[in-house]
Protein backbone atom coordinates (compact mmCIF):
# COMPACT_ATOMS: atom_id res chain seq x y z
CA MET A 1 -19.11 91.35 -19.72
CA THR A 2 -20.49 94.82 -18.95
CA THR A 3 -22.43 94.98 -15.70
CA ARG A 4 -25.50 97.16 -15.15
CA GLY A 5 -25.44 99.88 -12.51
CA VAL A 6 -28.08 99.70 -9.79
CA ALA A 7 -29.17 102.49 -7.45
CA ILE A 8 -30.87 101.32 -4.27
CA LEU A 9 -33.05 103.97 -2.65
CA GLY A 10 -33.69 102.88 0.92
CA SER A 11 -30.70 100.55 1.14
CA THR A 12 -30.79 100.12 4.92
CA GLY A 13 -34.39 98.92 5.07
CA SER A 14 -35.75 95.41 4.69
CA ILE A 15 -36.03 95.44 0.88
CA GLY A 16 -32.78 97.36 0.48
CA THR A 17 -30.71 94.93 2.52
CA THR A 18 -32.38 92.03 0.70
CA ALA A 19 -31.46 93.61 -2.64
CA LEU A 20 -27.83 93.94 -1.58
CA ARG A 21 -27.72 90.24 -0.71
CA VAL A 22 -29.10 89.48 -4.16
CA LEU A 23 -26.61 91.78 -5.89
CA GLU A 24 -23.68 90.30 -3.99
CA ARG A 25 -24.44 86.97 -5.67
CA GLN A 26 -24.88 88.59 -9.09
CA ARG A 27 -21.68 90.62 -9.40
CA ASP A 28 -21.09 89.36 -12.93
CA ARG A 29 -24.34 91.03 -14.03
CA PHE A 30 -24.77 94.09 -11.78
CA HIS A 31 -22.80 96.57 -9.72
CA VAL A 32 -24.03 98.93 -7.02
CA ALA A 33 -23.77 102.46 -8.42
CA ALA A 34 -25.66 104.43 -5.76
CA LEU A 35 -27.01 103.93 -2.25
CA THR A 36 -29.34 106.12 -0.21
CA ALA A 37 -30.87 105.74 3.24
CA PHE A 38 -33.25 107.75 5.39
CA SER A 39 -31.29 108.10 8.64
CA ASN A 40 -29.29 104.94 9.40
CA ALA A 41 -25.85 106.43 8.74
CA PRO A 42 -23.79 103.66 10.40
CA LEU A 43 -25.33 100.89 8.28
CA LEU A 44 -25.18 103.03 5.15
CA ALA A 45 -21.47 103.67 5.76
CA GLU A 46 -20.86 99.95 6.16
CA GLN A 47 -22.73 99.23 2.90
CA ALA A 48 -20.76 101.92 1.11
CA ARG A 49 -17.46 100.41 2.25
CA ARG A 50 -18.52 96.98 1.05
CA PHE A 51 -20.02 97.88 -2.33
CA ARG A 52 -18.10 101.09 -3.18
CA PRO A 53 -20.88 102.96 -5.02
CA SER A 54 -20.06 106.18 -6.85
CA PHE A 55 -22.81 108.02 -4.93
CA VAL A 56 -24.08 107.82 -1.34
CA GLY A 57 -26.97 109.86 0.02
CA LEU A 58 -28.54 110.31 3.47
CA VAL A 59 -31.93 111.98 3.74
CA LYS A 60 -31.79 112.85 7.44
CA ASN A 61 -29.37 113.15 10.36
CA GLY A 62 -26.16 113.61 8.39
CA THR A 63 -23.08 114.95 10.21
CA ALA A 64 -19.78 116.54 9.25
CA GLU A 65 -18.23 113.13 8.62
CA HIS A 66 -20.85 112.58 5.89
CA ALA A 67 -20.01 115.82 4.07
CA ALA A 68 -19.15 113.93 0.87
CA TRP A 69 -22.59 112.34 0.78
CA GLY A 70 -25.72 113.72 -0.85
CA ALA A 71 -28.18 115.07 1.69
CA GLY A 72 -31.91 115.67 2.08
CA GLU A 73 -34.74 114.26 -0.03
CA ARG A 74 -33.09 115.66 -3.16
CA CYS A 75 -30.44 112.94 -2.87
CA LEU A 76 -33.07 110.38 -3.90
CA VAL A 77 -33.61 112.06 -7.27
CA GLU A 78 -29.88 112.65 -7.65
CA ALA A 79 -29.14 108.95 -7.14
CA ALA A 80 -31.98 107.90 -9.45
CA THR A 81 -30.83 110.02 -12.39
CA ARG A 82 -27.08 109.42 -12.41
CA SER A 83 -25.52 108.48 -15.72
CA ASP A 84 -23.93 105.31 -14.30
CA VAL A 85 -27.30 104.01 -13.07
CA ASP A 86 -29.32 101.69 -15.33
CA ILE A 87 -31.79 100.32 -12.78
CA VAL A 88 -33.32 102.16 -9.82
CA LEU A 89 -34.62 99.93 -7.04
CA ASN A 90 -36.96 102.26 -5.18
CA ALA A 91 -37.42 100.80 -1.70
CA VAL A 92 -38.16 104.11 0.01
CA VAL A 93 -41.02 103.89 2.51
CA GLY A 94 -43.94 106.24 1.91
CA ALA A 95 -44.71 109.30 -0.17
CA ALA A 96 -41.07 110.42 -0.37
CA GLY A 97 -40.45 107.92 -3.17
CA LEU A 98 -42.72 109.55 -5.76
CA ASP A 99 -40.34 112.18 -7.17
CA ALA A 100 -37.51 109.67 -7.58
CA THR A 101 -39.75 107.23 -9.44
CA VAL A 102 -40.93 109.94 -11.83
CA ALA A 103 -37.41 111.31 -12.37
CA ALA A 104 -35.92 107.88 -13.10
CA LEU A 105 -38.65 107.02 -15.61
CA GLU A 106 -38.26 110.38 -17.31
CA ASP A 107 -34.56 109.57 -17.57
CA GLY A 108 -35.32 106.32 -19.39
CA LYS A 109 -34.31 103.96 -16.59
CA ARG A 110 -35.85 100.75 -15.34
CA VAL A 111 -37.52 101.30 -11.98
CA ALA A 112 -37.76 98.17 -9.85
CA LEU A 113 -40.60 99.45 -7.71
CA ALA A 114 -40.99 98.47 -4.07
CA ASN A 115 -42.33 101.94 -3.18
CA LYS A 116 -45.99 101.22 -3.93
CA GLU A 117 -46.92 104.71 -2.73
CA SER A 118 -45.50 106.12 -5.99
CA LEU A 119 -48.33 104.50 -7.93
CA VAL A 120 -50.95 104.93 -5.21
CA MET A 121 -50.36 108.67 -4.99
CA GLY A 122 -49.49 109.46 -8.57
CA GLY A 123 -50.32 106.57 -10.87
CA ALA A 124 -51.13 108.85 -13.80
CA LEU A 125 -48.01 110.94 -13.20
CA VAL A 126 -45.84 107.82 -13.14
CA ALA A 127 -47.41 106.49 -16.34
CA ASP A 128 -46.87 109.85 -18.09
CA ALA A 129 -43.23 109.93 -16.97
CA ALA A 130 -42.63 106.46 -18.41
CA ARG A 131 -44.19 107.46 -21.73
CA ARG A 132 -42.19 110.69 -21.95
CA GLY A 133 -38.82 109.26 -21.01
CA GLY A 134 -39.11 105.69 -22.20
CA GLY A 135 -38.49 104.29 -18.73
CA GLU A 136 -39.73 100.89 -17.61
CA LEU A 137 -41.62 99.99 -14.45
CA VAL A 138 -41.15 96.48 -13.00
CA PRO A 139 -42.78 95.58 -9.66
CA VAL A 140 -40.87 94.21 -6.69
CA ASP A 141 -43.81 93.35 -4.42
CA SER A 142 -44.21 89.57 -4.41
CA GLU A 143 -47.89 89.82 -5.38
CA HIS A 144 -47.30 92.03 -8.41
CA SER A 145 -44.21 90.12 -9.45
CA ALA A 146 -46.39 87.02 -9.40
CA ILE A 147 -49.02 88.65 -11.63
CA LEU A 148 -46.35 89.86 -14.05
CA GLN A 149 -44.98 86.33 -14.32
CA CYS A 150 -48.44 84.80 -14.78
CA ILE A 151 -49.50 87.26 -17.46
CA ALA A 152 -46.19 86.73 -19.29
CA GLY A 153 -46.90 89.26 -22.02
CA ARG A 154 -50.49 88.24 -22.73
CA PRO A 155 -52.77 91.15 -23.67
CA GLY A 156 -54.94 92.67 -20.96
CA SER A 157 -58.05 91.75 -22.94
CA GLU A 158 -57.39 88.10 -22.04
CA VAL A 159 -57.37 88.75 -18.28
CA ARG A 160 -60.67 88.22 -16.49
CA ARG A 161 -59.56 88.71 -12.90
CA LEU A 162 -56.58 89.27 -10.63
CA VAL A 163 -56.56 87.66 -7.18
CA LEU A 164 -53.99 89.01 -4.71
CA THR A 165 -53.17 86.85 -1.72
CA ALA A 166 -52.79 88.20 1.81
CA SER A 167 -51.28 86.36 4.75
CA GLY A 168 -53.94 87.82 7.03
CA GLY A 169 -51.27 89.24 9.31
CA PRO A 170 -50.88 88.55 13.03
CA PHE A 171 -54.55 89.21 13.77
CA ARG A 172 -56.09 86.88 11.20
CA THR A 173 -57.90 84.82 13.84
CA TRP A 174 -58.36 87.45 16.55
CA PRO A 175 -61.94 88.14 17.69
CA ALA A 176 -63.23 91.59 16.78
CA ASP A 177 -63.51 92.70 20.41
CA GLN A 178 -59.78 92.10 20.96
CA LEU A 179 -58.47 93.94 17.91
CA ASP A 180 -58.94 97.43 19.31
CA ARG A 181 -56.74 96.51 22.27
CA ALA A 182 -53.93 95.03 20.18
CA THR A 183 -50.53 96.36 21.17
CA LEU A 184 -47.64 97.43 18.97
CA ALA A 185 -45.74 94.32 19.99
CA ASP A 186 -48.71 92.23 18.85
CA ALA A 187 -48.91 94.05 15.51
CA LEU A 188 -45.21 93.54 14.77
CA GLN A 189 -45.42 89.74 15.07
CA HIS A 190 -45.98 88.98 11.39
CA PRO A 191 -46.41 85.23 10.88
CA THR A 192 -44.54 84.76 7.58
CA TRP A 193 -42.58 87.84 6.47
CA GLN A 194 -39.75 89.83 8.05
CA MET A 195 -40.37 93.48 7.16
CA GLY A 196 -39.94 97.00 8.45
CA ARG A 197 -42.17 98.30 11.24
CA LYS A 198 -44.42 100.49 9.10
CA ILE A 199 -45.21 97.87 6.47
CA THR A 200 -45.67 95.22 9.18
CA VAL A 201 -48.36 97.36 10.82
CA ASP A 202 -49.90 97.95 7.37
CA SER A 203 -50.07 94.19 6.92
CA ALA A 204 -51.79 93.86 10.30
CA THR A 205 -54.52 96.35 9.32
CA LEU A 206 -54.65 95.12 5.67
CA ALA A 207 -54.03 98.72 4.55
CA ASN A 208 -51.02 97.30 2.74
CA LYS A 209 -53.27 95.04 0.68
CA ALA A 210 -55.42 98.05 -0.27
CA LEU A 211 -52.28 99.82 -1.49
CA GLU A 212 -51.38 96.72 -3.50
CA VAL A 213 -54.83 96.64 -5.14
CA ILE A 214 -54.40 100.25 -6.28
CA GLU A 215 -50.88 99.45 -7.48
CA ALA A 216 -52.14 96.43 -9.44
CA HIS A 217 -54.78 98.59 -11.12
CA PHE A 218 -52.13 100.97 -12.45
CA LEU A 219 -49.51 98.34 -13.26
CA PHE A 220 -51.77 96.02 -15.23
CA GLY A 221 -54.67 98.25 -16.34
CA VAL A 222 -57.29 96.00 -14.75
CA PRO A 223 -60.46 97.70 -13.38
CA TYR A 224 -60.96 97.60 -9.62
CA GLU A 225 -64.07 95.45 -9.92
CA ARG A 226 -61.88 92.70 -11.37
CA ILE A 227 -59.24 92.75 -8.63
CA GLU A 228 -59.90 90.62 -5.55
CA VAL A 229 -58.12 89.69 -2.33
CA VAL A 230 -58.07 86.30 -0.60
CA VAL A 231 -56.35 85.31 2.64
CA HIS A 232 -53.66 82.66 2.22
CA PRO A 233 -51.90 82.17 5.58
CA GLN A 234 -48.94 80.17 4.22
CA SER A 235 -47.76 82.95 1.81
CA VAL A 236 -46.70 80.36 -0.77
CA VAL A 237 -49.10 81.30 -3.59
CA HIS A 238 -48.29 84.94 -4.24
CA SER A 239 -51.17 85.77 -6.62
CA PHE A 240 -53.50 84.29 -9.21
CA VAL A 241 -54.48 85.44 -12.69
CA GLU A 242 -57.74 84.15 -14.14
CA PHE A 243 -58.06 84.37 -17.93
CA ILE A 244 -61.23 84.77 -19.97
CA ASP A 245 -61.30 81.07 -20.88
CA GLY A 246 -61.45 80.11 -17.19
CA SER A 247 -57.82 79.03 -16.92
CA VAL A 248 -56.10 80.19 -13.72
CA LEU A 249 -52.34 80.60 -13.32
CA ALA A 250 -50.70 81.00 -9.93
CA GLN A 251 -47.11 81.86 -9.13
CA MET A 252 -45.74 79.99 -6.13
CA GLY A 253 -42.54 80.09 -4.16
CA VAL A 254 -41.08 80.05 -0.68
CA PRO A 255 -41.87 83.30 1.17
CA SER A 256 -38.64 85.13 0.37
CA MET A 257 -38.34 88.61 -1.10
CA GLU A 258 -35.05 87.65 -2.75
CA LEU A 259 -36.91 86.02 -5.65
CA PRO A 260 -39.09 89.02 -6.65
CA VAL A 261 -36.15 91.41 -6.15
CA LEU A 262 -33.97 89.33 -8.47
CA TYR A 263 -36.74 89.01 -11.07
CA ALA A 264 -37.30 92.77 -11.07
CA LEU A 265 -33.61 93.23 -11.89
CA THR A 266 -33.42 90.56 -14.60
CA HIS A 267 -36.95 90.56 -16.12
CA PRO A 268 -37.82 89.00 -18.51
CA ASP A 269 -34.79 86.74 -18.07
CA ARG A 270 -34.28 84.26 -15.26
CA VAL A 271 -30.92 83.51 -13.70
CA ALA A 272 -29.53 80.87 -11.37
CA ASP A 273 -27.85 81.22 -7.97
CA THR A 274 -30.76 82.82 -6.15
CA GLY A 275 -29.76 81.64 -2.70
CA VAL A 276 -33.35 80.59 -2.07
CA PRO A 277 -34.04 76.97 -1.04
CA PRO A 278 -35.74 74.70 -3.58
CA PHE A 279 -39.52 74.60 -3.60
CA ASP A 280 -40.85 71.53 -1.76
CA PRO A 281 -44.63 71.19 -2.26
CA VAL A 282 -44.94 68.49 0.38
CA GLU A 283 -43.00 70.43 3.00
CA LEU A 284 -45.02 73.58 2.32
CA SER A 285 -48.41 71.83 2.33
CA PRO A 286 -51.23 72.06 3.10
CA LEU A 287 -52.19 75.32 1.40
CA SER A 288 -55.40 77.01 2.47
CA PHE A 289 -57.47 80.04 1.46
CA GLU A 290 -60.01 82.10 3.38
CA PRO A 291 -62.20 85.13 2.75
CA VAL A 292 -61.06 88.47 4.16
CA ARG A 293 -62.85 89.46 7.36
CA ARG A 294 -63.76 92.81 5.91
CA ALA A 295 -65.75 94.13 8.89
CA GLU A 296 -62.82 93.52 11.25
CA PHE A 297 -60.25 94.98 8.83
CA PRO A 298 -61.98 98.02 7.28
CA ALA A 299 -58.78 99.58 5.92
CA LEU A 300 -58.91 97.25 2.93
CA ASP A 301 -62.30 98.45 1.70
CA LEU A 302 -61.48 102.07 2.54
CA GLY A 303 -58.43 101.90 0.31
CA MET A 304 -60.25 100.15 -2.52
CA GLN A 305 -63.03 102.75 -2.35
CA ALA A 306 -60.38 105.48 -2.54
CA GLY A 307 -58.91 103.83 -5.61
CA ARG A 308 -62.29 103.73 -7.34
CA ALA A 309 -62.95 107.37 -6.42
CA GLY A 310 -59.75 108.51 -8.12
CA GLY A 311 -58.54 112.09 -7.97
CA ALA A 312 -56.51 112.66 -4.83
CA ALA A 313 -58.45 110.04 -2.83
CA PRO A 314 -55.71 107.37 -3.08
CA ALA A 315 -53.11 109.92 -1.94
CA VAL A 316 -55.40 110.94 0.94
CA PHE A 317 -55.81 107.30 1.95
CA ASN A 318 -52.06 106.74 1.85
CA ALA A 319 -51.20 109.91 3.79
CA ALA A 320 -53.83 109.32 6.46
CA ASN A 321 -52.61 105.77 6.90
CA GLU A 322 -48.93 106.83 7.08
CA GLN A 323 -49.69 109.49 9.69
CA ALA A 324 -51.91 107.20 11.76
CA VAL A 325 -49.37 104.37 11.68
CA ALA A 326 -46.64 106.80 12.77
CA LEU A 327 -48.79 107.79 15.76
CA PHE A 328 -49.46 104.13 16.56
CA LEU A 329 -45.74 103.35 16.39
CA ASP A 330 -45.15 106.23 18.82
CA GLY A 331 -47.78 104.89 21.23
CA ALA A 332 -50.06 107.91 20.74
CA ILE A 333 -53.13 106.05 19.42
CA ARG A 334 -54.65 102.56 19.55
CA PHE A 335 -54.58 99.97 16.79
CA GLY A 336 -58.25 100.48 15.96
CA ASP A 337 -57.70 104.23 15.62
CA ILE A 338 -55.72 103.68 12.40
CA ALA A 339 -58.77 102.69 10.35
CA ARG A 340 -60.93 105.30 12.09
CA ALA A 341 -58.41 107.99 11.14
CA ILE A 342 -58.41 106.86 7.51
CA ASP A 343 -62.22 106.86 7.39
CA SER A 344 -62.46 110.35 8.89
CA THR A 345 -59.81 111.75 6.54
CA LEU A 346 -61.42 110.30 3.41
CA GLY A 347 -64.76 111.72 4.57
CA ARG A 348 -63.18 115.16 4.79
CA LEU A 349 -60.78 115.14 1.82
CA GLY A 350 -61.72 112.18 -0.38
CA THR A 351 -63.07 114.34 -3.20
CA ALA A 352 -59.97 116.55 -3.51
CA PRO A 353 -58.61 116.94 -7.06
CA GLY A 354 -55.46 115.05 -7.99
CA GLY A 355 -54.57 116.01 -11.53
CA SER A 356 -51.09 117.34 -10.81
CA ARG A 357 -48.11 116.79 -8.53
CA ASP A 358 -48.94 119.98 -6.61
CA ALA A 359 -52.56 118.91 -6.10
CA ILE A 360 -51.49 115.48 -4.87
CA LEU A 361 -48.91 116.88 -2.45
CA THR A 362 -51.44 119.43 -1.17
CA ALA A 363 -53.97 116.68 -0.48
CA ASP A 364 -51.22 114.60 1.16
CA ALA A 365 -50.30 117.45 3.52
CA GLN A 366 -53.93 118.21 4.35
CA ALA A 367 -54.60 114.56 5.14
CA ARG A 368 -51.65 114.36 7.52
CA ARG A 369 -52.78 117.54 9.30
CA HIS A 370 -56.30 116.19 9.64
CA VAL A 371 -55.07 113.03 11.36
CA GLN A 372 -52.85 115.05 13.70
CA GLU A 373 -55.76 117.35 14.59
CA LEU A 374 -58.08 114.38 15.04
CA PHE A 375 -55.89 113.14 17.88
CA ARG A 376 -54.59 116.63 18.83
CA CYS A 377 -50.98 115.62 18.17
């Protein structure tokens, strides 16, 4: 049986290491053809020894002992377009993943997309690349994987509404007057998911859910006014789809990223040996749902407004959030400053044009500079 080659971009991060666990159990279907990481050379070297890919790339901090590896951001595109790669799992964090997504789709490959910023920044560019090259985009995020499974090939005209679930993050029940004083240690205590630091902070502000709304709009062609968010603390129901006849389908499962990663690789087929424990509805009950506290978590509405505005506004939102989160992770700003930075940046740059890659990258750079100047960093 011929196995399919998989390139993992961001192999040392949370999604990347999860994907490698999945692939280790599916060696009769897939082989690891390429691995890239941002800067964690020791872990990347260990992964390369174990999986023996034909290509290894390190974006930053390479040394003489890594001379045989690809280097710099160009290694992402190089890995994504290799002839022995059939599927590109893009788990790069942030804007750096856009070019690799576009290149892989232009090359006719399946992109298992965990880099939501590709669609947030350049949704139209990504769609054009898929049309030109015949590539296929399959989501990895648990919420979008759930929607894909619920829709199951039904036409978009039958979909009335998408409802994305959010855990609410570590601050779901915090009073508003305490949120501004939340520490980094507080923000990194996610109640249900184990993720990287940046995405964990995004989950705490709900900026991540705004990115997911924009991603859902581009993935499924549903207008923003028909995409909603509800807080579901248990993270068992991953999303709902309501159809025009009033029927509602929900996809449920234990909170493990191994299931959506595997489904992105095998879609539309399902395979056994997932390594995930069986679903026990009694053990996982009760399930509850709450409205989003929008006033306390303004990043959600700021991102959805950016999505509706179009142009470069989604890219501006994403860049401002990335820069502000980086400053928060460095201890340079407070938790509440993240949303304030996004609001200020959208007020300054939210009407910038976004019809081309150059325009999007220009807006991205301007947004990052604005946040730095706002806090004089």
